[in-house]
C-alpha atoms as a PDB file:
ATOM      1  CA  MET A   1     102.978  78.426  88.414  1.00  0.00           C
ATOM      2  CA  LYS A   2     103.508  81.601  87.145  1.00  0.00           C
ATOM      3  CA  HIS A   3     105.934  84.164  88.763  1.00  0.00           C
ATOM      4  CA  GLN A   4     105.271  88.060  88.966  1.00  0.00           C
ATOM      5  CA  THR A   5     107.986  90.054  88.246  1.00  0.00           C
ATOM      6  CA  ILE A   6     110.439  91.015  91.419  1.00  0.00           C
ATOM      7  CA  LEU A   7     109.049  94.214  93.015  1.00  0.00           C
ATOM      8  CA  ARG A   8     110.501  96.260  95.605  1.00  0.00           C
ATOM      9  CA  ALA A   9     108.531  96.078  99.451  1.00  0.00           C
ATOM     10  CA  THR A  10     107.268  98.659 101.496  1.00  0.00           C
ATOM     11  CA  PRO A  11     106.596  98.530 104.980  1.00  0.00           C
ATOM     12  CA  ALA A  12     102.930  97.705 103.972  1.00  0.00           C
ATOM     13  CA  GLU A  13     104.483  94.446 102.899  1.00  0.00           C
ATOM     14  CA  PHE A  14     106.230  94.251 106.171  1.00  0.00           C
ATOM     15  CA  PRO A  15     103.607  91.522 107.902  1.00  0.00           C
ATOM     16  CA  GLU A  16     103.570  88.847 105.257  1.00  0.00           C
ATOM     17  CA  LEU A  17     107.895  88.899 104.544  1.00  0.00           C
ATOM     18  CA  THR A  18     107.786  88.020 108.387  1.00  0.00           C
ATOM     19  CA  ASP A  19     105.229  85.096 107.583  1.00  0.00           C
ATOM     20  CA  VAL A  20     107.417  83.886 105.189  1.00  0.00           C
ATOM     21  CA  TRP A  21     110.383  84.526 107.469  1.00  0.00           C
ATOM     22  CA  GLU A  22     108.813  82.497 110.236  1.00  0.00           C
ATOM     23  CA  ALA A  23     107.643  79.583 107.913  1.00  0.00           C
ATOM     24  CA  SER A  24     111.033  79.409 106.070  1.00  0.00           C
ATOM     25  CA  VAL A  25     112.999  79.254 109.481  1.00  0.00           C
ATOM     26  CA  ARG A  26     110.780  76.614 110.739  1.00  0.00           C
ATOM     27  CA  ALA A  27     110.994  74.766 107.532  1.00  0.00           C
ATOM     28  CA  THR A  28     114.964  74.594 107.211  1.00  0.00           C
ATOM     29  CA  HIS A  29     116.048  76.253 110.675  1.00  0.00           C
ATOM     30  CA  ASN A  30     115.655  72.767 112.831  1.00  0.00           C
ATOM     31  CA  PHE A  31     118.539  73.492 114.946  1.00  0.00           C
ATOM     32  CA  VAL A  32     117.193  76.525 116.110  1.00  0.00           C
ATOM     33  CA  LYS A  33     115.023  77.011 119.308  1.00  0.00           C
ATOM     34  CA  GLU A  34     111.560  77.781 119.969  1.00  0.00           C
ATOM     35  CA  GLU A  35     112.002  80.653 122.467  1.00  0.00           C
ATOM     36  CA  ASP A  36     114.441  82.056 119.576  1.00  0.00           C
ATOM     37  CA  ILE A  37     112.237  82.003 116.736  1.00  0.00           C
ATOM     38  CA  LEU A  38     109.723  84.045 118.896  1.00  0.00           C
ATOM     39  CA  TYR A  39     112.209  86.118 119.886  1.00  0.00           C
ATOM     40  CA  PHE A  40     113.209  86.767 116.521  1.00  0.00           C
ATOM     41  CA  LYS A  41     109.875  87.339 115.213  1.00  0.00           C
ATOM     42  CA  PRO A  42     108.539  90.694 116.150  1.00  0.00           C
ATOM     43  CA  LEU A  43     112.168  92.029 115.902  1.00  0.00           C
ATOM     44  CA  ILE A  44     111.962  91.110 112.081  1.00  0.00           C
ATOM     45  CA  ALA A  45     109.166  93.694 111.120  1.00  0.00           C
ATOM     46  CA  THR A  46     110.324  96.197 113.572  1.00  0.00           C
ATOM     47  CA  GLN A  47     114.043  95.953 113.287  1.00  0.00           C
ATOM     48  CA  TYR A  48     115.335  94.351 111.078  1.00  0.00           C
ATOM     49  CA  LEU A  49     113.060  95.090 107.647  1.00  0.00           C
ATOM     50  CA  PRO A  50     112.820  98.567 108.174  1.00  0.00           C
ATOM     51  CA  VAL A  51     116.530  99.035 108.169  1.00  0.00           C
ATOM     52  CA  THR A  52     117.642  97.157 105.024  1.00  0.00           C
ATOM     53  CA  PRO A  53     118.248  99.523 102.370  1.00  0.00           C
ATOM     54  CA  ASP A  54     116.971  97.077  99.446  1.00  0.00           C
ATOM     55  CA  LEU A  55     114.080  94.481  99.858  1.00  0.00           C
ATOM     56  CA  PHE A  56     112.736  92.800  96.981  1.00  0.00           C
ATOM     57  CA  TYR A  57     109.711  89.890  96.973  1.00  0.00           C
ATOM     58  CA  ILE A  58     108.211  87.632  94.335  1.00  0.00           C
ATOM     59  CA  LYS A  59     104.725  86.665  94.701  1.00  0.00           C
ATOM     60  CA  ASN A  60     102.328  84.344  92.811  1.00  0.00           C
ATOM     61  CA  ASP A  61      99.384  84.815  90.757  1.00  0.00           C
ATOM     62  CA  LYS A  62      97.298  84.753  94.084  1.00  0.00           C
ATOM     63  CA  ASN A  63      99.433  87.750  94.770  1.00  0.00           C
ATOM     64  CA  SER A  64     100.763  86.028  97.687  1.00  0.00           C
ATOM     65  CA  ILE A  65     104.263  86.555  98.396  1.00  0.00           C
ATOM     66  CA  LEU A  66     106.853  83.489  97.846  1.00  0.00           C
ATOM     67  CA  ALA A  67     110.068  84.695  98.629  1.00  0.00           C
ATOM     68  CA  PHE A  68     112.201  87.470  99.706  1.00  0.00           C
ATOM     69  CA  ILE A  69     115.781  89.106  99.689  1.00  0.00           C
ATOM     70  CA  GLY A  70     117.166  91.838 101.564  1.00  0.00           C
ATOM     71  CA  ILE A  71     120.049  93.772 100.165  1.00  0.00           C
ATOM     72  CA  SER A  72     122.728  96.366 101.906  1.00  0.00           C
ATOM     73  CA  GLY A  73     125.348  97.656  99.573  1.00  0.00           C
ATOM     74  CA  ASN A  74     126.961  94.684  98.229  1.00  0.00           C
ATOM     75  CA  HIS A  75     125.805  91.752 100.861  1.00  0.00           C
ATOM     76  CA  ILE A  76     122.631  89.422 100.991  1.00  0.00           C
ATOM     77  CA  ASP A  77     121.466  90.527 104.363  1.00  0.00           C
ATOM     78  CA  MET A  78     118.473  87.818 104.367  1.00  0.00           C
ATOM     79  CA  LEU A  79     116.787  85.294 101.817  1.00  0.00           C
ATOM     80  CA  PHE A  80     113.588  83.256 102.708  1.00  0.00           C
ATOM     81  CA  ILE A  81     111.616  81.019 100.676  1.00  0.00           C
ATOM     82  CA  ARG A  82     107.894  79.391 101.503  1.00  0.00           C
ATOM     83  CA  PRO A  83     108.303  75.596 101.942  1.00  0.00           C
ATOM     84  CA  GLU A  84     105.895  75.144  99.689  1.00  0.00           C
ATOM     85  CA  ALA A  85     107.646  77.421  97.068  1.00  0.00           C
ATOM     86  CA  ARG A  86     110.887  75.816  97.862  1.00  0.00           C
ATOM     87  CA  GLY A  87     112.967  73.906  94.771  1.00  0.00           C
ATOM     88  CA  LYS A  88     111.147  76.331  92.175  1.00  0.00           C
ATOM     89  CA  GLY A  89     114.339  78.704  91.367  1.00  0.00           C
ATOM     90  CA  LEU A  90     113.353  81.911  93.385  1.00  0.00           C
ATOM     91  CA  GLY A  91     116.411  81.795  95.640  1.00  0.00           C
ATOM     92  CA  LYS A  92     118.288  81.476  92.398  1.00  0.00           C
ATOM     93  CA  ARG A  93     116.668  84.094  90.350  1.00  0.00           C
ATOM     94  CA  LEU A  94     116.944  86.750  93.374  1.00  0.00           C
ATOM     95  CA  VAL A  95     120.373  85.925  94.254  1.00  0.00           C
ATOM     96  CA  PHE A  96     120.830  86.848  90.332  1.00  0.00           C
ATOM     97  CA  PHE A  97     119.073  89.822  90.477  1.00  0.00           C
ATOM     98  CA  ALA A  98     120.850  91.112  93.270  1.00  0.00           C
ATOM     99  CA  ILE A  99     124.519  89.780  92.107  1.00  0.00           C
ATOM    100  CA  GLN A 100     123.709  91.672  88.495  1.00  0.00           C
ATOM    101  CA  ASN A 101     121.899  94.747  89.874  1.00  0.00           C
ATOM    102  CA  TYR A 102     123.954  95.423  92.998  1.00  0.00           C
ATOM    103  CA  GLN A 103     126.944  93.858  92.235  1.00  0.00           C
ATOM    104  CA  VAL A 104     126.273  91.444  95.812  1.00  0.00           C
ATOM    105  CA  GLU A 105     129.525  89.294  96.756  1.00  0.00           C
ATOM    106  CA  THR A 106     129.001  88.680 100.234  1.00  0.00           C
ATOM    107  CA  VAL A 107     126.094  86.860 102.746  1.00  0.00           C
ATOM    108  CA  ASP A 108     126.507  85.312 106.196  1.00  0.00           C
ATOM    109  CA  VAL A 109     124.833  81.994 106.825  1.00  0.00           C
ATOM    110  CA  ASN A 110     123.841  79.579 109.739  1.00  0.00           C
ATOM    111  CA  GLU A 111     126.900  77.158 109.512  1.00  0.00           C
ATOM    112  CA  GLN A 112     124.002  74.478 110.901  1.00  0.00           C
ATOM    113  CA  ASN A 113     121.772  75.347 107.880  1.00  0.00           C
ATOM    114  CA  THR A 114     123.426  72.913 105.063  1.00  0.00           C
ATOM    115  CA  GLN A 115     120.979  73.358 103.373  1.00  0.00           C
ATOM    116  CA  ALA A 116     121.600  77.070 102.496  1.00  0.00           C
ATOM    117  CA  VAL A 117     125.154  76.743 102.930  1.00  0.00           C
ATOM    118  CA  GLY A 118     125.115  74.210  99.963  1.00  0.00           C
ATOM    119  CA  PHE A 119     122.602  76.458  97.694  1.00  0.00           C
ATOM    120  CA  TYR A 120     125.701  79.365  98.267  1.00  0.00           C
ATOM    121  CA  GLU A 121     128.193  77.142  97.384  1.00  0.00           C
ATOM    122  CA  LYS A 122     126.238  76.090  93.944  1.00  0.00           C
ATOM    123  CA  MET A 123     125.774  79.651  93.424  1.00  0.00           C
ATOM    124  CA  GLY A 124     129.715  80.332  93.758  1.00  0.00           C
ATOM    125  CA  PHE A 125     130.216  81.506  96.907  1.00  0.00           C
ATOM    126  CA  GLU A 126     132.962  79.770  98.888  1.00  0.00           C
ATOM    127  CA  THR A 127     133.524  80.104 102.766  1.00  0.00           C
ATOM    128  CA  ILE A 128     136.267  82.851 103.898  1.00  0.00           C
ATOM    129  CA  SER A 129     135.636  82.754 107.603  1.00  0.00           C
ATOM    130  CA  ARG A 130     133.996  81.546 110.156  1.00  0.00           C
ATOM    131  CA  ASP A 131     131.955  82.859 113.467  1.00  0.00           C
ATOM    132  CA  GLU A 132     131.289  80.945 116.909  1.00  0.00           C
ATOM    133  CA  LYS A 133     128.262  83.069 117.260  1.00  0.00           C
ATOM    134  CA  ASP A 134     125.509  85.038 115.361  1.00  0.00           C
ATOM    135  CA  SER A 135     125.095  88.594 115.458  1.00  0.00           C
ATOM    136  CA  SER A 136     122.867  88.784 118.166  1.00  0.00           C
ATOM    137  CA  GLY A 137     125.969  86.874 120.191  1.00  0.00           C
ATOM    138  CA  LYS A 138     123.316  83.807 120.049  1.00  0.00           C
ATOM    139  CA  SER A 139     125.437  80.256 119.939  1.00  0.00           C
ATOM    140  CA  TYR A 140     124.715  79.951 116.609  1.00  0.00           C
ATOM    141  CA  PRO A 141     127.869  79.854 114.157  1.00  0.00           C
ATOM    142  CA  VAL A 142     127.755  81.428 110.935  1.00  0.00           C
ATOM    143  CA  LEU A 143     129.947  81.445 107.908  1.00  0.00           C
ATOM    144  CA  HIS A 144     130.627  84.734 106.188  1.00  0.00           C
ATOM    145  CA  MET A 145     131.031  83.373 102.359  1.00  0.00           C
ATOM    146  CA  GLU A 146     132.076  85.456  99.433  1.00  0.00           C
ATOM    147  CA  LEU A 147     131.091  85.306  95.614  1.00  0.00           C
ATOM    148  CA  ASN A 148     134.187  83.285  93.466  1.00  0.00           C
ATOM    149  CA  PRO A 149     136.268  85.881  92.146  1.00  0.00           C
ATOM    150  CA  SER A 150     136.603  84.406  88.818  1.00  0.00           C
ATOM    151  CA  LEU A 151     132.542  83.856  88.534  1.00  0.00           C
ATOM    152  CA  LYS A 152     131.909  87.402  90.109  1.00  0.00           C
ATOM    153  CA  LYS A 153     134.234  88.841  87.211  1.00  0.00           C
ATOM    154  CA  ILE A 154     131.773  87.072  84.677  1.00  0.00           C
ATOM    155  CA  LEU A 155     128.672  87.943  86.305  1.00  0.00           C
ATOM    156  CA  PHE A 156     129.533  91.598  86.948  1.00  0.00           C
ATOM    157  CA  SER A 157     130.342  92.117  83.335  1.00  0.00           C
ATOM    158  CA  ASN A 158     126.800  91.064  81.965  1.00  0.00           C
ATOM    159  CA  LYS A 159     128.674  89.311  79.060  1.00  0.00           C
ATOM    160  CA  PRO A 160     127.429  86.521  77.413  1.00  0.00           C
ATOM    161  CA  ILE A 161     128.206  82.933  78.486  1.00  0.00           C
ATOM    162  CA  GLU A 162     129.439  80.560  75.015  1.00  0.00           C
ATOM    163  CA  LYS A 163     128.463  76.855  75.172  1.00  0.00           C
ATOM    164  CA  HIS A 164     131.161  74.682  73.573  1.00  0.00           C
ATOM    165  CA  PRO A 165     130.397  74.450  69.526  1.00  0.00           C
ATOM    166  CA  LEU A 166     131.726  70.793  69.330  1.00  0.00           C
ATOM    167  CA  GLY A 167     131.527  68.821  72.528  1.00  0.00           C
ATOM    168  CA  PHE A 168     134.156  65.811  72.383  1.00  0.00           C
ATOM    169  CA  PHE A 169     135.207  63.597  69.718  1.00  0.00           C
ATOM    170  CA  LEU A 170     135.841  60.379  71.314  1.00  0.00           C
ATOM    171  CA  PRO A 171     136.993  57.361  68.822  1.00  0.00           C
ATOM    172  CA  ALA A 172     135.632  53.754  70.656  1.00  0.00           C
ATOM    173  CA  ASN A 173     139.735  52.975  70.235  1.00  0.00           C
ATOM    174  CA  THR A 174     140.832  56.500  72.370  1.00  0.00           C
ATOM    175  CA  LYS A 175     143.760  56.079  73.678  1.00  0.00           C
ATOM    176  CA  VAL A 176     145.322  59.460  73.849  1.00  0.00           C
ATOM    177  CA  LEU A 177     142.941  62.432  74.519  1.00  0.00           C
ATOM    178  CA  MET A 178     143.758  65.849  73.687  1.00  0.00           C
ATOM    179  CA  LEU A 179     142.840  68.948  75.284  1.00  0.00           C
ATOM    180  CA  GLY A 180     142.626  72.724  74.920  1.00  0.00           C
ATOM    181  CA  SER A 181     140.794  75.709  76.267  1.00  0.00           C
ATOM    182  CA  PHE A 182     138.265  76.678  73.949  1.00  0.00           C
ATOM    183  CA  PRO A 183     137.715  76.922  70.238  1.00  0.00           C
ATOM    184  CA  PRO A 184     138.594  80.752  68.564  1.00  0.00           C
ATOM    185  CA  PRO A 185     135.449  82.567  67.673  1.00  0.00           C
ATOM    186  CA  ARG A 186     133.773  80.979  64.293  1.00  0.00           C
ATOM    187  CA  LYS A 187     134.929  83.395  62.422  1.00  0.00           C
ATOM    188  CA  ARG A 188     138.689  82.196  62.387  1.00  0.00           C
ATOM    189  CA  TRP A 189     137.729  78.742  61.584  1.00  0.00           C
ATOM    190  CA  SER A 190     138.703  77.001  58.492  1.00  0.00           C
ATOM    191  CA  MET A 191     136.986  73.497  59.193  1.00  0.00           C
ATOM    192  CA  ASP A 192     134.024  72.412  61.359  1.00  0.00           C
ATOM    193  CA  PHE A 193     136.673  70.924  63.832  1.00  0.00           C
ATOM    194  CA  TYR A 194     139.097  71.290  66.623  1.00  0.00           C
ATOM    195  CA  TYR A 195     142.083  73.110  66.178  1.00  0.00           C
ATOM    196  CA  PRO A 196     140.057  74.923  63.272  1.00  0.00           C
ATOM    197  CA  ASN A 197     142.381  78.423  62.785  1.00  0.00           C
ATOM    198  CA  ILE A 198     144.734  77.653  60.229  1.00  0.00           C
ATOM    199  CA  GLN A 199     147.210  79.770  61.782  1.00  0.00           C
ATOM    200  CA  ASN A 200     147.560  77.007  64.580  1.00  0.00           C
ATOM    201  CA  ASP A 201     149.881  74.440  64.070  1.00  0.00           C
ATOM    202  CA  MET A 202     148.602  71.820  65.754  1.00  0.00           C
ATOM    203  CA  TRP A 203     147.621  69.880  62.186  1.00  0.00           C
ATOM    204  CA  ARG A 204     151.000  70.526  61.015  1.00  0.00           C
ATOM    205  CA  ILE A 205     152.421  69.053  63.784  1.00  0.00           C
ATOM    206  CA  LEU A 206     150.414  65.872  63.280  1.00  0.00           C
ATOM    207  CA  GLY A 207     151.081  65.261  60.265  1.00  0.00           C
ATOM    208  CA  LEU A 208     154.794  65.953  59.935  1.00  0.00           C
ATOM    209  CA  LEU A 209     154.584  63.172  62.850  1.00  0.00           C
ATOM    210  CA  PHE A 210     152.021  60.474  61.599  1.00  0.00           C
ATOM    211  CA  TYR A 211     152.378  61.212  57.284  1.00  0.00           C
ATOM    212  CA  HIS A 212     156.183  62.606  57.377  1.00  0.00           C
ATOM    213  CA  ASP A 213     154.258  65.945  55.533  1.00  0.00           C
ATOM    214  CA  LYS A 214     153.604  69.031  57.868  1.00  0.00           C
ATOM    215  CA  GLU A 215     151.103  69.533  54.801  1.00  0.00           C
ATOM    216  CA  TYR A 216     148.840  66.423  54.943  1.00  0.00           C
ATOM    217  CA  PHE A 217     145.821  68.158  56.592  1.00  0.00           C
ATOM    218  CA  ILE A 218     145.510  71.173  54.489  1.00  0.00           C
ATOM    219  CA  ILE A 219     143.074  70.852  51.773  1.00  0.00           C
ATOM    220  CA  PRO A 220     144.836  71.980  48.369  1.00  0.00           C
ATOM    221  CA  GLY A 221     144.733  75.341  46.992  1.00  0.00           C
ATOM    222  CA  LYS A 222     142.832  76.158  50.437  1.00  0.00           C
ATOM    223  CA  LYS A 223     143.479  77.733  53.097  1.00  0.00           C
ATOM    224  CA  ALA A 224     141.493  75.223  55.363  1.00  0.00           C
ATOM    225  CA  PHE A 225     142.101  72.107  57.106  1.00  0.00           C
ATOM    226  CA  ASP A 226     140.635  68.612  55.396  1.00  0.00           C
ATOM    227  CA  LYS A 227     137.780  67.567  58.204  1.00  0.00           C
ATOM    228  CA  ALA A 228     137.454  64.166  56.965  1.00  0.00           C
ATOM    229  CA  LYS A 229     140.920  63.486  56.944  1.00  0.00           C
ATOM    230  CA  ALA A 230     141.174  64.840  60.567  1.00  0.00           C
ATOM    231  CA  GLU A 231     138.650  62.194  61.836  1.00  0.00           C
ATOM    232  CA  VAL A 232     140.370  59.245  59.958  1.00  0.00           C
ATOM    233  CA  PHE A 233     143.601  60.279  61.825  1.00  0.00           C
ATOM    234  CA  CYS A 234     141.904  60.268  65.175  1.00  0.00           C
ATOM    235  CA  GLN A 235     140.043  57.003  64.349  1.00  0.00           C
ATOM    236  CA  THR A 236     142.657  55.599  63.194  1.00  0.00           C
ATOM    237  CA  TYR A 237     145.515  56.295  65.998  1.00  0.00           C
ATOM    238  CA  GLY A 238     142.980  56.135  68.976  1.00  0.00           C
ATOM    239  CA  THR A 239     142.989  60.091  69.321  1.00  0.00           C
ATOM    240  CA  GLY A 240     140.154  62.148  71.121  1.00  0.00           C
ATOM    241  CA  ILE A 241     139.808  66.016  71.331  1.00  0.00           C
ATOM    242  CA  GLY A 242     137.724  67.852  73.366  1.00  0.00           C
ATOM    243  CA  ASP A 243     138.457  70.982  75.431  1.00  0.00           C
ATOM    244  CA  THR A 244     138.604  71.516  79.436  1.00  0.00           C
ATOM    245  CA  ALA A 245     135.869  74.022  79.673  1.00  0.00           C
ATOM    246  CA  GLU A 246     132.224  73.759  78.415  1.00  0.00           C
ATOM    247  CA  GLU A 247     130.902  77.050  79.013  1.00  0.00           C
ATOM    248  CA  ILE A 248     132.907  80.136  79.162  1.00  0.00           C
ATOM    249  CA  VAL A 249     133.017  84.106  78.466  1.00  0.00           C
ATOM    250  CA  GLN A 250     135.464  86.223  76.134  1.00  0.00           C
ATOM    251  CA  MET A 251     136.126  89.122  78.691  1.00  0.00           C
ATOM    252  CA  ASN A 252     137.919  90.887  75.854  1.00  0.00           C
ATOM    253  CA  ASP A 253     136.275  89.804  73.013  1.00  0.00           C
ATOM    254  CA  ASP A 254     138.997  87.781  71.548  1.00  0.00           C
ATOM    255  CA  ALA A 255     140.196  84.188  70.762  1.00  0.00           C
ATOM    256  CA  SER A 256     142.760  85.236  73.740  1.00  0.00           C
ATOM    257  CA  ASP A 257     142.652  82.500  76.599  1.00  0.00           C
ATOM    258  CA  LYS A 258     144.509  85.740  79.100  1.00  0.00           C
ATOM    259  CA  PHE A 259     140.909  86.898  78.692  1.00  0.00           C
ATOM    260  CA  LEU A 260     138.874  83.601  78.696  1.00  0.00           C
ATOM    261  CA  GLU A 261     136.701  82.830  82.055  1.00  0.00           C
ATOM    262  CA  VAL A 262     135.496  79.478  82.858  1.00  0.00           C
ATOM    263  CA  VAL A 263     132.316  79.225  83.572  1.00  0.00           C
ATOM    264  CA  LYS A 264     131.729  75.252  83.383  1.00  0.00           C
ATOM    265  CA  PRO A 265     134.696  73.044  82.932  1.00  0.00           C
ATOM    266  CA  TRP A 266     134.596  69.920  81.234  1.00  0.00           C
ATOM    267  CA  ASN A 267     132.739  66.521  83.412  1.00  0.00           C
ATOM    268  CA  ALA A 268     135.785  64.425  83.373  1.00  0.00           C
ATOM    269  CA  GLU A 269     134.256  61.183  84.668  1.00  0.00           C
ATOM    270  CA  LYS A 270     131.684  61.214  82.092  1.00  0.00           C
ATOM    271  CA  VAL A 271     134.137  61.589  78.864  1.00  0.00           C
ATOM    272  CA  LEU A 272     136.536  59.348  80.622  1.00  0.00           C
ATOM    273  CA  SER A 273     134.178  56.521  81.139  1.00  0.00           C
ATOM    274  CA  GLN A 274     133.378  56.842  77.291  1.00  0.00           C
ATOM    275  CA  ILE A 275     136.906  55.902  76.553  1.00  0.00           C
ATOM    276  CA  PRO A 276     138.011  52.849  78.447  1.00  0.00           C
ATOM    277  CA  GLU A 277     141.163  52.093  76.734  1.00  0.00           C
ATOM    278  CA  CYS A 278     142.125  55.790  77.402  1.00  0.00           C
ATOM    279  CA  HIS A 279     145.213  56.143  79.092  1.00  0.00           C
ATOM    280  CA  THR A 280     147.207  59.420  78.117  1.00  0.00           C
ATOM    281  CA  ILE A 281     145.937  63.092  78.439  1.00  0.00           C
ATOM    282  CA  VAL A 282     147.681  66.029  76.766  1.00  0.00           C
ATOM    283  CA  ILE A 283     147.046  69.401  77.607  1.00  0.00           C
ATOM    284  CA  THR A 284     147.848  72.339  75.251  1.00  0.00           C
ATOM    285  CA  GLY A 285     147.881  75.760  77.113  1.00  0.00           C
ATOM    286  CA  GLN A 286     148.166  76.993  80.619  1.00  0.00           C
ATOM    287  CA  LYS A 287     144.579  78.181  80.938  1.00  0.00           C
ATOM    288  CA  SER A 288     143.790  74.231  80.038  1.00  0.00           C
ATOM    289  CA  MET A 289     145.723  72.946  82.465  1.00  0.00           C
ATOM    290  CA  GLU A 290     144.711  75.813  85.163  1.00  0.00           C
ATOM    291  CA  THR A 291     140.934  74.223  84.290  1.00  0.00           C
ATOM    292  CA  PHE A 292     141.848  70.418  84.287  1.00  0.00           C
ATOM    293  CA  LEU A 293     144.037  70.857  87.564  1.00  0.00           C
ATOM    294  CA  LYS A 294     140.487  71.954  89.125  1.00  0.00           C
ATOM    295  CA  VAL A 295     138.936  69.209  88.186  1.00  0.00           C
ATOM    296  CA  ILE A 296     141.318  66.601  89.262  1.00  0.00           C
ATOM    297  CA  PRO A 297     143.662  67.822  91.202  1.00  0.00           C
ATOM    298  CA  VAL A 298     147.233  66.429  90.735  1.00  0.00           C
ATOM    299  CA  LYS A 299     150.807  67.556  90.342  1.00  0.00           C
ATOM    300  CA  GLU A 300     151.093  69.532  87.624  1.00  0.00           C
ATOM    301  CA  PRO A 301     154.072  68.399  85.410  1.00  0.00           C
ATOM    302  CA  LYS A 302     156.446  70.267  83.638  1.00  0.00           C
ATOM    303  CA  VAL A 303     156.180  70.965  79.529  1.00  0.00           C
ATOM    304  CA  GLY A 304     157.445  67.844  77.478  1.00  0.00           C
ATOM    305  CA  HIS A 305     156.281  65.562  80.706  1.00  0.00           C
ATOM    306  CA  TYR A 306     154.250  63.813  82.455  1.00  0.00           C
ATOM    307  CA  SER A 307     152.770  62.748  85.985  1.00  0.00           C
ATOM    308  CA  GLU A 308     150.804  59.909  86.905  1.00  0.00           C
ATOM    309  CA  PHE A 309     147.716  60.251  88.841  1.00  0.00           C
ATOM    310  CA  GLY A 310     144.871  57.869  89.599  1.00  0.00           C
ATOM    311  CA  TYR A 311     141.064  58.473  88.855  1.00  0.00           C
ATOM    312  CA  ILE A 312     137.844  56.567  88.767  1.00  0.00           C
ATOM    313  CA  GLY A 313     139.836  53.621  89.003  1.00  0.00           C
ATOM    314  CA  ARG A 314     142.437  53.560  86.768  1.00  0.00           C
ATOM    315  CA  THR A 315     146.032  55.549  85.924  1.00  0.00           C
ATOM    316  CA  PHE A 316     146.607  57.620  84.210  1.00  0.00           C
ATOM    317  CA  ARG A 317     149.430  59.700  82.578  1.00  0.00           C
ATOM    318  CA  LEU A 318     148.980  63.692  82.432  1.00  0.00           C
ATOM    319  CA  TYR A 319     151.330  65.658  79.881  1.00  0.00           C
ATOM    320  CA  ARG A 320     151.879  69.039  79.307  1.00  0.00           C
ATOM    321  CA  MET A 321     152.513  69.749  76.126  1.00  0.00           C
ATOM    322  CA  PRO A 322     153.777  73.321  74.210  1.00  0.00           C
ATOM    323  CA  SER A 323     151.145  75.652  72.509  1.00  0.00           C
ATOM    324  CA  SER A 324     150.450  74.529  69.439  1.00  0.00           C
ATOM    325  CA  SER A 325     149.395  78.492  68.512  1.00  0.00           C
ATOM    326  CA  ARG A 326     152.169  80.459  66.612  1.00  0.00           C
ATOM    327  CA  ALA A 327     151.822  82.863  69.598  1.00  0.00           C
ATOM    328  CA  TYR A 328     154.368  80.390  71.466  1.00  0.00           C
ATOM    329  CA  PRO A 329     157.918  80.792  70.677  1.00  0.00           C
ATOM    330  CA  LYS A 330     159.287  77.459  69.617  1.00  0.00           C
ATOM    331  CA  PRO A 331     159.301  76.316  65.922  1.00  0.00           C
ATOM    332  CA  LEU A 332     157.286  73.904  64.388  1.00  0.00           C
ATOM    333  CA  GLU A 333     160.245  70.998  64.321  1.00  0.00           C
ATOM    334  CA  GLU A 334     161.030  71.438  67.898  1.00  0.00           C
ATOM    335  CA  LYS A 335     157.208  71.257  68.859  1.00  0.00           C
ATOM    336  CA  ALA A 336     156.870  68.442  66.819  1.00  0.00           C
ATOM    337  CA  ALA A 337     159.637  66.307  68.582  1.00  0.00           C
ATOM    338  CA  VAL A 338     158.108  66.956  71.794  1.00  0.00           C
ATOM    339  CA  TYR A 339     154.734  65.502  70.684  1.00  0.00           C
ATOM    340  CA  GLY A 340     156.495  62.838  69.364  1.00  0.00           C
ATOM    341  CA  ASN A 341     158.141  61.625  72.406  1.00  0.00           C
ATOM    342  CA  MET A 342     154.515  61.831  73.823  1.00  0.00           C
ATOM    343  CA  PHE A 343     153.258  59.856  71.037  1.00  0.00           C
ATOM    344  CA  ARG A 344     155.752  57.117  71.030  1.00  0.00           C
ATOM    345  CA  GLU A 345     155.694  56.759  75.113  1.00  0.00           C
ATOM    346  CA  ALA A 346     152.216  56.428  74.136  1.00  0.00           C
ATOM    347  CA  GLY A 347     152.060  53.622  71.830  1.00  0.00           C
ATOM    348  CA  LEU A 348     150.867  55.341  68.856  1.00  0.00           C
ATOM    349  CA  LEU A 349     154.007  56.302  67.416  1.00  0.00           C
ATOM    350  CA  ILE A 350     156.587  54.085  66.661  1.00  0.00           C
END
C-alpha cells in the first residue's frame, strides 16, 4: 500500500477526520460507553478540530484518510488511525513528523487504552503524572506523558544515528566479557577491532599482564595494533569484547562519551545467552556503566571492585575498571595492576 505525503488538514476534511476518529475509538477504546461516543462525536468536528492549530493526515492511493494527528505547540492533542490501517507504521510516521517539525514532547493518553500507552512508551514517552478524570470531567483516567529527555535531545538535534560497526566478538570459551561504550570515529582506528585507537592503552595493559610486554600488540614499525594477535588473545584467554550501545548519536561530533547519547543499548539477554561459560562482566568508562545499569539495574561497584547479581538463571560478577583512555589520570602500570587483580579473580591470570 502506497501512502501519500503528510498533508495539512483544512475544514473541508473535518467530516472525514471525524469518521476516522469514530472508527478508531470504536476499535481501541472498548472502555468508552456508547453514550459517550455519541456525546463526543459532534464536538470533534465543531469544537475540537477547529481549535487545533496544526492538523495533518495521511491518505491512501484511493484518496481516503487513514490517519491524522493534531498538534498544539509542543503537545500532541490527538492521534487516530483507521482500524484497517493499524500496524502499518502510520502512527510512528506522524509522531516522528510532529517531533522533528514541531518539537513535540508531551501527550495525554487514556490510561485504559493500554495499546496507546504501550505505543507511546515504545516511541520514548514516559508517564509523569495522572488525572483521575479526563478534560471533560468524565471518569476516564488520563496519563500525562513526556518524551524521554535523552531521546528528546537526540531527535531535536537532527544528527545522524550511528550503528555499531563491530557488534560483539564472543569466543565460545568466553568467561570474561569486556564492555565499553562505543568505538571512536573510524579515522582514529589503527585496526578493525575493539579499542582501535593507538592512543588507547587497553592493548598495552593486556600485553603487559599476559605477555609481560606492553608493546606486544603493536605492529613493529607501525602506529597500529595487530588485529590477528588481539583475536588470538581473546580466543586463548576466553575474553569477549563488545559495547553497551548498539546505536548512538554523537552530539558534539567527537569521540567523547560526555557528548554520546545512546539510542539503542545492547541486548544483554541475547549476548549473554551465547556465552554460557561467562561469569564476569567488565565495564570500562562511566557512560558504559550508566548504559549497562539501565539494561540490568544492579548495584554499581566502585572502581577496581565488583558486585554480584543474578541474570538469566546465572550468577555474574560486575567489575568497574579504570578507563584505558589516556585522559584517565592514572599511569599505565597502575591501571594494569587493577586489571590484573580482576583477571586473577576471574581465573584467567595466574
